[in-house]
N, C-alpha and C. Protein backbone atom coordinates (compact mmCIF):
# COMPACT_ATOMS: atom_id res chain seq x y z
N UNK A 1 -1.57 -22.31 -2.99
CA UNK A 1 -2.60 -22.70 -2.04
C UNK A 1 -3.87 -23.15 -2.76
N UNK A 2 -4.31 -22.33 -3.71
CA UNK A 2 -5.53 -22.69 -4.43
C UNK A 2 -5.33 -23.95 -5.25
N UNK A 3 -4.14 -24.12 -5.83
CA UNK A 3 -3.87 -25.31 -6.62
C UNK A 3 -3.93 -26.57 -5.79
N UNK A 4 -3.48 -26.49 -4.53
CA UNK A 4 -3.50 -27.65 -3.64
C UNK A 4 -4.93 -28.13 -3.39
N UNK A 5 -5.87 -27.22 -3.40
CA UNK A 5 -7.25 -27.56 -3.10
C UNK A 5 -8.03 -28.01 -4.34
N UNK A 6 -7.44 -27.86 -5.51
CA UNK A 6 -8.15 -28.17 -6.75
C UNK A 6 -8.66 -29.61 -6.77
N UNK A 7 -7.88 -30.53 -6.25
CA UNK A 7 -8.28 -31.94 -6.26
C UNK A 7 -8.55 -32.47 -4.86
N UNK A 8 -8.93 -31.60 -3.96
CA UNK A 8 -9.22 -31.98 -2.59
C UNK A 8 -10.40 -32.95 -2.56
N UNK A 9 -10.21 -34.18 -2.05
CA UNK A 9 -11.31 -35.16 -2.04
C UNK A 9 -12.48 -34.74 -1.14
N UNK A 10 -12.21 -33.92 -0.14
CA UNK A 10 -13.27 -33.46 0.75
C UNK A 10 -14.29 -32.62 0.00
N UNK A 11 -13.82 -31.79 -0.92
CA UNK A 11 -14.71 -30.90 -1.65
C UNK A 11 -15.06 -31.40 -3.04
N UNK A 12 -14.31 -32.35 -3.56
CA UNK A 12 -14.55 -32.78 -4.94
C UNK A 12 -14.08 -31.72 -5.92
N UNK A 13 -13.06 -30.99 -5.54
CA UNK A 13 -12.52 -29.90 -6.34
C UNK A 13 -12.20 -28.74 -5.42
N UNK A 14 -11.84 -27.63 -6.02
CA UNK A 14 -11.49 -26.46 -5.22
C UNK A 14 -12.73 -25.88 -4.55
N UNK A 15 -12.54 -25.14 -3.45
CA UNK A 15 -13.69 -24.48 -2.83
C UNK A 15 -14.43 -23.57 -3.81
N UNK A 16 -13.69 -22.90 -4.67
CA UNK A 16 -14.34 -22.01 -5.65
C UNK A 16 -15.23 -22.80 -6.60
N UNK A 17 -14.72 -23.92 -7.09
CA UNK A 17 -15.50 -24.74 -8.03
C UNK A 17 -16.75 -25.30 -7.35
N UNK A 18 -16.59 -25.80 -6.13
CA UNK A 18 -17.73 -26.36 -5.40
C UNK A 18 -18.74 -25.27 -5.06
N UNK A 19 -18.25 -24.09 -4.69
CA UNK A 19 -19.12 -22.95 -4.39
C UNK A 19 -19.98 -22.62 -5.62
N UNK A 20 -19.35 -22.59 -6.78
CA UNK A 20 -20.09 -22.28 -8.01
C UNK A 20 -21.14 -23.36 -8.29
N UNK A 21 -20.80 -24.62 -8.05
CA UNK A 21 -21.78 -25.70 -8.22
C UNK A 21 -22.99 -25.46 -7.33
N UNK A 22 -22.73 -25.10 -6.09
CA UNK A 22 -23.83 -24.87 -5.14
C UNK A 22 -24.65 -23.66 -5.55
N UNK A 23 -23.99 -22.58 -5.93
CA UNK A 23 -24.69 -21.36 -6.34
C UNK A 23 -25.66 -21.65 -7.49
N UNK A 24 -25.22 -22.46 -8.45
CA UNK A 24 -26.06 -22.72 -9.62
C UNK A 24 -27.12 -23.79 -9.40
N UNK A 25 -26.96 -24.62 -8.36
CA UNK A 25 -27.90 -25.72 -8.16
C UNK A 25 -28.81 -25.60 -6.94
N UNK A 26 -28.51 -24.66 -6.06
CA UNK A 26 -29.35 -24.49 -4.87
C UNK A 26 -30.60 -23.68 -5.21
N UNK A 27 -31.51 -23.63 -4.27
CA UNK A 27 -32.71 -22.83 -4.42
C UNK A 27 -32.31 -21.39 -4.74
N UNK A 28 -32.77 -20.87 -5.86
CA UNK A 28 -32.32 -19.56 -6.32
C UNK A 28 -32.77 -18.41 -5.42
N UNK A 29 -33.86 -18.57 -4.70
CA UNK A 29 -34.26 -17.55 -3.74
C UNK A 29 -33.25 -17.45 -2.60
N UNK A 30 -32.76 -18.59 -2.13
CA UNK A 30 -31.74 -18.60 -1.08
C UNK A 30 -30.44 -18.01 -1.59
N UNK A 31 -30.06 -18.38 -2.80
CA UNK A 31 -28.83 -17.86 -3.40
C UNK A 31 -28.93 -16.35 -3.58
N UNK A 32 -30.08 -15.89 -4.08
CA UNK A 32 -30.29 -14.45 -4.28
C UNK A 32 -30.12 -13.71 -2.96
N UNK A 33 -30.74 -14.20 -1.90
CA UNK A 33 -30.64 -13.54 -0.60
C UNK A 33 -29.21 -13.57 -0.07
N UNK A 34 -28.54 -14.70 -0.21
CA UNK A 34 -27.16 -14.81 0.25
C UNK A 34 -26.26 -13.83 -0.49
N UNK A 35 -26.39 -13.76 -1.82
CA UNK A 35 -25.55 -12.85 -2.60
C UNK A 35 -25.87 -11.39 -2.28
N UNK A 36 -27.14 -11.09 -2.07
CA UNK A 36 -27.53 -9.74 -1.70
C UNK A 36 -26.90 -9.34 -0.36
N UNK A 37 -26.97 -10.23 0.61
CA UNK A 37 -26.38 -9.95 1.92
C UNK A 37 -24.86 -9.81 1.82
N UNK A 38 -24.23 -10.59 0.95
CA UNK A 38 -22.80 -10.49 0.73
C UNK A 38 -22.44 -9.12 0.16
N UNK A 39 -23.25 -8.63 -0.78
CA UNK A 39 -23.01 -7.29 -1.35
C UNK A 39 -23.23 -6.20 -0.31
N UNK A 40 -24.22 -6.36 0.55
CA UNK A 40 -24.45 -5.39 1.62
C UNK A 40 -23.26 -5.35 2.58
N UNK A 41 -22.71 -6.52 2.87
CA UNK A 41 -21.54 -6.61 3.73
C UNK A 41 -20.35 -5.90 3.08
N UNK A 42 -20.16 -6.15 1.80
CA UNK A 42 -19.08 -5.49 1.06
C UNK A 42 -19.26 -3.98 1.06
N UNK A 43 -20.49 -3.53 0.84
CA UNK A 43 -20.78 -2.09 0.86
C UNK A 43 -20.45 -1.49 2.22
N UNK A 44 -20.82 -2.19 3.29
CA UNK A 44 -20.53 -1.70 4.64
C UNK A 44 -19.03 -1.58 4.87
N UNK A 45 -18.27 -2.58 4.41
CA UNK A 45 -16.81 -2.53 4.57
C UNK A 45 -16.22 -1.36 3.79
N UNK A 46 -16.70 -1.14 2.57
CA UNK A 46 -16.20 -0.01 1.77
C UNK A 46 -16.52 1.32 2.45
N UNK A 47 -17.73 1.45 2.95
CA UNK A 47 -18.11 2.69 3.63
C UNK A 47 -17.28 2.92 4.89
N UNK A 48 -17.02 1.86 5.63
CA UNK A 48 -16.19 1.99 6.83
C UNK A 48 -14.78 2.43 6.45
N UNK A 49 -14.23 1.86 5.38
CA UNK A 49 -12.90 2.26 4.93
C UNK A 49 -12.88 3.72 4.50
N UNK A 50 -13.90 4.13 3.75
CA UNK A 50 -13.98 5.53 3.33
C UNK A 50 -14.04 6.46 4.53
N UNK A 51 -14.82 6.09 5.54
CA UNK A 51 -14.92 6.91 6.74
C UNK A 51 -13.59 6.96 7.49
N UNK A 52 -12.87 5.83 7.53
CA UNK A 52 -11.60 5.78 8.25
C UNK A 52 -10.48 6.49 7.48
N UNK A 53 -10.46 6.33 6.15
CA UNK A 53 -9.35 6.86 5.35
C UNK A 53 -9.66 8.18 4.68
N UNK A 54 -10.94 8.50 4.57
CA UNK A 54 -11.35 9.71 3.86
C UNK A 54 -11.92 9.36 2.50
N UNK A 55 -12.95 10.08 2.11
CA UNK A 55 -13.63 9.79 0.85
C UNK A 55 -12.76 10.06 -0.38
N UNK A 56 -11.70 10.82 -0.21
CA UNK A 56 -10.84 11.14 -1.34
C UNK A 56 -9.89 10.00 -1.70
N UNK A 57 -9.85 8.97 -0.89
CA UNK A 57 -8.98 7.81 -1.15
C UNK A 57 -9.65 6.85 -2.12
N UNK A 58 -8.84 6.24 -2.97
CA UNK A 58 -9.34 5.26 -3.94
C UNK A 58 -9.36 3.89 -3.27
N UNK A 59 -10.50 3.54 -2.69
CA UNK A 59 -10.63 2.30 -1.93
C UNK A 59 -10.36 1.09 -2.81
N UNK A 60 -10.83 1.12 -4.05
CA UNK A 60 -10.61 -0.01 -4.96
C UNK A 60 -9.11 -0.23 -5.20
N UNK A 61 -8.36 0.84 -5.41
CA UNK A 61 -6.92 0.70 -5.63
C UNK A 61 -6.21 0.22 -4.38
N UNK A 62 -6.63 0.71 -3.24
CA UNK A 62 -6.04 0.26 -1.97
C UNK A 62 -6.28 -1.23 -1.79
N UNK A 63 -7.50 -1.69 -2.10
CA UNK A 63 -7.82 -3.11 -1.98
C UNK A 63 -7.00 -3.95 -2.96
N UNK A 64 -6.88 -3.48 -4.20
CA UNK A 64 -6.10 -4.22 -5.20
C UNK A 64 -4.64 -4.33 -4.78
N UNK A 65 -4.08 -3.25 -4.25
CA UNK A 65 -2.69 -3.28 -3.77
C UNK A 65 -2.55 -4.27 -2.62
N UNK A 66 -3.50 -4.25 -1.70
CA UNK A 66 -3.46 -5.17 -0.56
C UNK A 66 -3.53 -6.61 -1.05
N UNK A 67 -4.42 -6.88 -2.01
CA UNK A 67 -4.55 -8.24 -2.54
C UNK A 67 -3.25 -8.70 -3.19
N UNK A 68 -2.57 -7.80 -3.89
CA UNK A 68 -1.31 -8.14 -4.54
C UNK A 68 -0.23 -8.41 -3.51
N UNK A 69 -0.12 -7.53 -2.52
CA UNK A 69 0.94 -7.63 -1.53
C UNK A 69 0.71 -8.77 -0.52
N UNK A 70 -0.53 -9.21 -0.37
CA UNK A 70 -0.87 -10.23 0.62
C UNK A 70 -1.66 -11.37 -0.03
N UNK A 71 -1.23 -11.78 -1.21
CA UNK A 71 -1.98 -12.75 -2.00
C UNK A 71 -2.28 -14.04 -1.23
N UNK A 72 -1.31 -14.57 -0.52
CA UNK A 72 -1.51 -15.83 0.19
C UNK A 72 -2.57 -15.69 1.28
N UNK A 73 -2.48 -14.64 2.08
CA UNK A 73 -3.47 -14.41 3.12
C UNK A 73 -4.86 -14.19 2.53
N UNK A 74 -4.92 -13.44 1.45
CA UNK A 74 -6.20 -13.16 0.81
C UNK A 74 -6.79 -14.44 0.23
N UNK A 75 -5.95 -15.29 -0.38
CA UNK A 75 -6.43 -16.56 -0.92
C UNK A 75 -6.99 -17.45 0.18
N UNK A 76 -6.28 -17.51 1.31
CA UNK A 76 -6.76 -18.33 2.43
C UNK A 76 -8.10 -17.82 2.94
N UNK A 77 -8.23 -16.52 3.12
CA UNK A 77 -9.48 -15.95 3.61
C UNK A 77 -10.59 -16.16 2.59
N UNK A 78 -10.27 -16.03 1.31
CA UNK A 78 -11.26 -16.25 0.26
C UNK A 78 -11.79 -17.67 0.34
N UNK A 79 -10.90 -18.64 0.50
CA UNK A 79 -11.34 -20.03 0.62
C UNK A 79 -12.21 -20.23 1.86
N UNK A 80 -11.82 -19.60 2.97
CA UNK A 80 -12.63 -19.69 4.19
C UNK A 80 -14.03 -19.13 3.95
N UNK A 81 -14.11 -17.99 3.26
CA UNK A 81 -15.41 -17.38 2.98
C UNK A 81 -16.24 -18.22 2.01
N UNK A 82 -15.58 -18.82 1.02
CA UNK A 82 -16.30 -19.70 0.10
C UNK A 82 -16.88 -20.90 0.84
N UNK A 83 -16.09 -21.49 1.71
CA UNK A 83 -16.55 -22.65 2.48
C UNK A 83 -17.69 -22.24 3.41
N UNK A 84 -17.55 -21.10 4.06
CA UNK A 84 -18.62 -20.60 4.93
C UNK A 84 -19.89 -20.35 4.13
N UNK A 85 -19.74 -19.74 2.97
CA UNK A 85 -20.90 -19.47 2.11
C UNK A 85 -21.59 -20.74 1.67
N UNK A 86 -20.79 -21.76 1.33
CA UNK A 86 -21.38 -23.05 0.95
C UNK A 86 -22.20 -23.60 2.11
N UNK A 87 -21.63 -23.53 3.30
CA UNK A 87 -22.33 -24.05 4.47
C UNK A 87 -23.64 -23.32 4.72
N UNK A 88 -23.62 -22.01 4.58
CA UNK A 88 -24.85 -21.23 4.80
C UNK A 88 -25.93 -21.60 3.78
N UNK A 89 -25.54 -21.69 2.53
CA UNK A 89 -26.52 -21.98 1.47
C UNK A 89 -27.05 -23.41 1.60
N UNK A 90 -26.15 -24.37 1.78
CA UNK A 90 -26.56 -25.77 1.88
C UNK A 90 -27.44 -26.00 3.09
N UNK A 91 -27.09 -25.40 4.20
CA UNK A 91 -27.89 -25.56 5.42
C UNK A 91 -29.31 -25.04 5.23
N UNK A 92 -29.45 -23.90 4.58
CA UNK A 92 -30.77 -23.32 4.35
C UNK A 92 -31.52 -24.04 3.25
N UNK A 93 -30.80 -24.70 2.37
CA UNK A 93 -31.40 -25.35 1.20
C UNK A 93 -32.04 -26.70 1.57
N UNK A 94 -31.70 -27.23 2.74
CA UNK A 94 -32.20 -28.56 3.14
C UNK A 94 -33.65 -28.52 3.54
């Protein structure tokens, strides 16, 4: 899936590559805020999982196993999130 997008004419490369271009070239205050909010979102998801599964569970290992077992779905969602992130940053950067 990711290889198919590498030469996508719509993005001028893979979503990951274009996302990195935007991160490094956009207004750094906007990028800083976007990345901070992304980390807060990640923290909230981890805390919710800990509350649902119990603090004694290794959330990182559970996530790694899920990523391995569902690689295609995770790749698709990752691309969706990269594209959404690009849109958020570019829209605010204008």
